[in-house]
């Protein structure tokens, strides 16, 4: 019976170690994902500001397709962050 108990305790110990490893992995993924979510704030705020800004009058009106170029750049930045987030999850 002692051999059976030892085997059971060994398997239980391995299970707890695996659970601990997975918990640490989950916590790291959660931390990194939260950082990525926070990094989305700036480009999204800039996109919102870009929609509200007037690009028809000087000085912004002096640059051709400035609004479209800014939106493209910001959307690409958001896409990169979202791809990293998807990889994490």
Protein backbone atom coordinates (compact mmCIF):
# COMPACT_ATOMS: atom_id res chain seq x y z
CA UNK A 1 0.00 0.00 0.00
CA UNK A 2 2.91 2.39 0.69
CA UNK A 3 4.08 2.00 -2.90
CA UNK A 4 0.62 2.95 -4.18
CA UNK A 5 0.53 5.97 -1.87
CA UNK A 6 3.98 7.07 -3.03
CA UNK A 7 2.90 6.79 -6.67
CA UNK A 8 -0.26 8.76 -5.94
CA UNK A 9 1.71 11.49 -4.11
CA UNK A 10 4.22 11.65 -6.97
CA UNK A 11 1.46 12.09 -9.55
CA UNK A 12 -0.26 14.65 -7.36
CA UNK A 13 3.02 16.58 -7.01
CA UNK A 14 3.50 16.56 -10.80
CA UNK A 15 -0.05 17.80 -11.26
CA UNK A 16 0.47 20.71 -8.86
CA UNK A 17 3.73 21.64 -10.59
CA UNK A 18 1.97 21.64 -13.97
CA UNK A 19 -0.89 23.72 -12.59
CA UNK A 20 1.62 26.18 -11.15
CA UNK A 21 3.44 26.38 -14.50
CA UNK A 22 0.18 27.03 -16.37
CA UNK A 23 -0.89 29.63 -13.81
CA UNK A 24 2.41 31.47 -14.25
CA UNK A 25 2.03 31.29 -18.03
CA UNK A 26 -1.51 32.65 -17.79
CA UNK A 27 -0.42 35.49 -15.50
CA UNK A 28 2.39 36.45 -17.89
CA UNK A 29 0.01 36.35 -20.85
CA UNK A 30 -2.52 38.44 -18.95
CA UNK A 31 0.12 41.03 -18.01
CA UNK A 32 1.43 41.27 -21.57
CA UNK A 33 -2.07 41.47 -23.02
CA UNK A 34 -2.97 44.28 -20.65
CA UNK A 35 0.13 46.17 -21.77
CA UNK A 36 -0.91 45.72 -25.40
CA UNK A 37 -4.42 46.92 -24.63
CA UNK A 38 -2.97 50.02 -22.98
CA UNK A 39 -0.76 50.64 -26.01
CA UNK A 40 -3.90 50.76 -28.19
CA UNK A 41 -5.07 53.87 -26.34
CA UNK A 42 -2.77 56.36 -28.04
CA UNK A 43 -3.32 55.42 -31.70
CA UNK A 44 -7.07 55.13 -31.15
CA UNK A 45 -7.20 58.57 -29.52
CA UNK A 46 -5.18 59.94 -32.43
CA UNK A 47 -7.59 58.39 -34.91
CA UNK A 48 -10.49 59.98 -33.06
CA UNK A 49 -8.72 63.37 -33.13
CA UNK A 50 -7.97 62.91 -36.81
CA UNK A 51 -11.68 62.49 -37.50
CA UNK A 52 -12.50 65.67 -35.59
CA UNK A 53 -9.73 67.86 -37.05
CA UNK A 54 -10.29 70.15 -40.01
CA UNK A 55 -7.85 69.33 -42.79
CA UNK A 56 -9.30 71.77 -45.35
CA UNK A 57 -7.84 75.01 -44.02
CA UNK A 58 -4.21 76.02 -43.53
CA UNK A 59 -1.89 74.91 -42.08
CA UNK A 60 -3.17 71.31 -42.34
CA UNK A 61 -4.84 71.99 -45.69
CA UNK A 62 -1.44 72.71 -47.23
CA UNK A 63 -0.56 69.01 -47.11
CA UNK A 64 -2.24 66.84 -49.73
CA UNK A 65 -4.05 63.76 -48.39
CA UNK A 66 -2.72 64.37 -44.89
CA UNK A 67 -5.83 62.99 -43.22
CA UNK A 68 -5.78 59.79 -45.28
CA UNK A 69 -2.06 59.29 -44.67
CA UNK A 70 -2.44 59.78 -40.93
CA UNK A 71 -5.39 57.43 -40.77
CA UNK A 72 -3.51 54.80 -42.76
CA UNK A 73 -0.47 55.04 -40.49
CA UNK A 74 -2.55 54.85 -37.33
CA UNK A 75 -4.66 51.95 -38.57
CA UNK A 76 -1.51 50.01 -39.45
CA UNK A 77 -0.18 50.64 -35.95
CA UNK A 78 -3.45 49.37 -34.46
CA UNK A 79 -3.33 46.29 -36.71
CA UNK A 80 0.19 45.43 -35.53
CA UNK A 81 -0.83 45.70 -31.89
CA UNK A 82 -3.98 43.64 -32.49
CA UNK A 83 -1.93 40.93 -34.24
CA UNK A 84 0.38 40.73 -31.22
CA UNK A 85 -2.63 40.51 -28.95
CA UNK A 86 -4.10 37.73 -31.07
CA UNK A 87 -0.79 35.82 -30.88
CA UNK A 88 -0.84 36.10 -27.10
CA UNK A 89 -4.37 34.86 -26.78
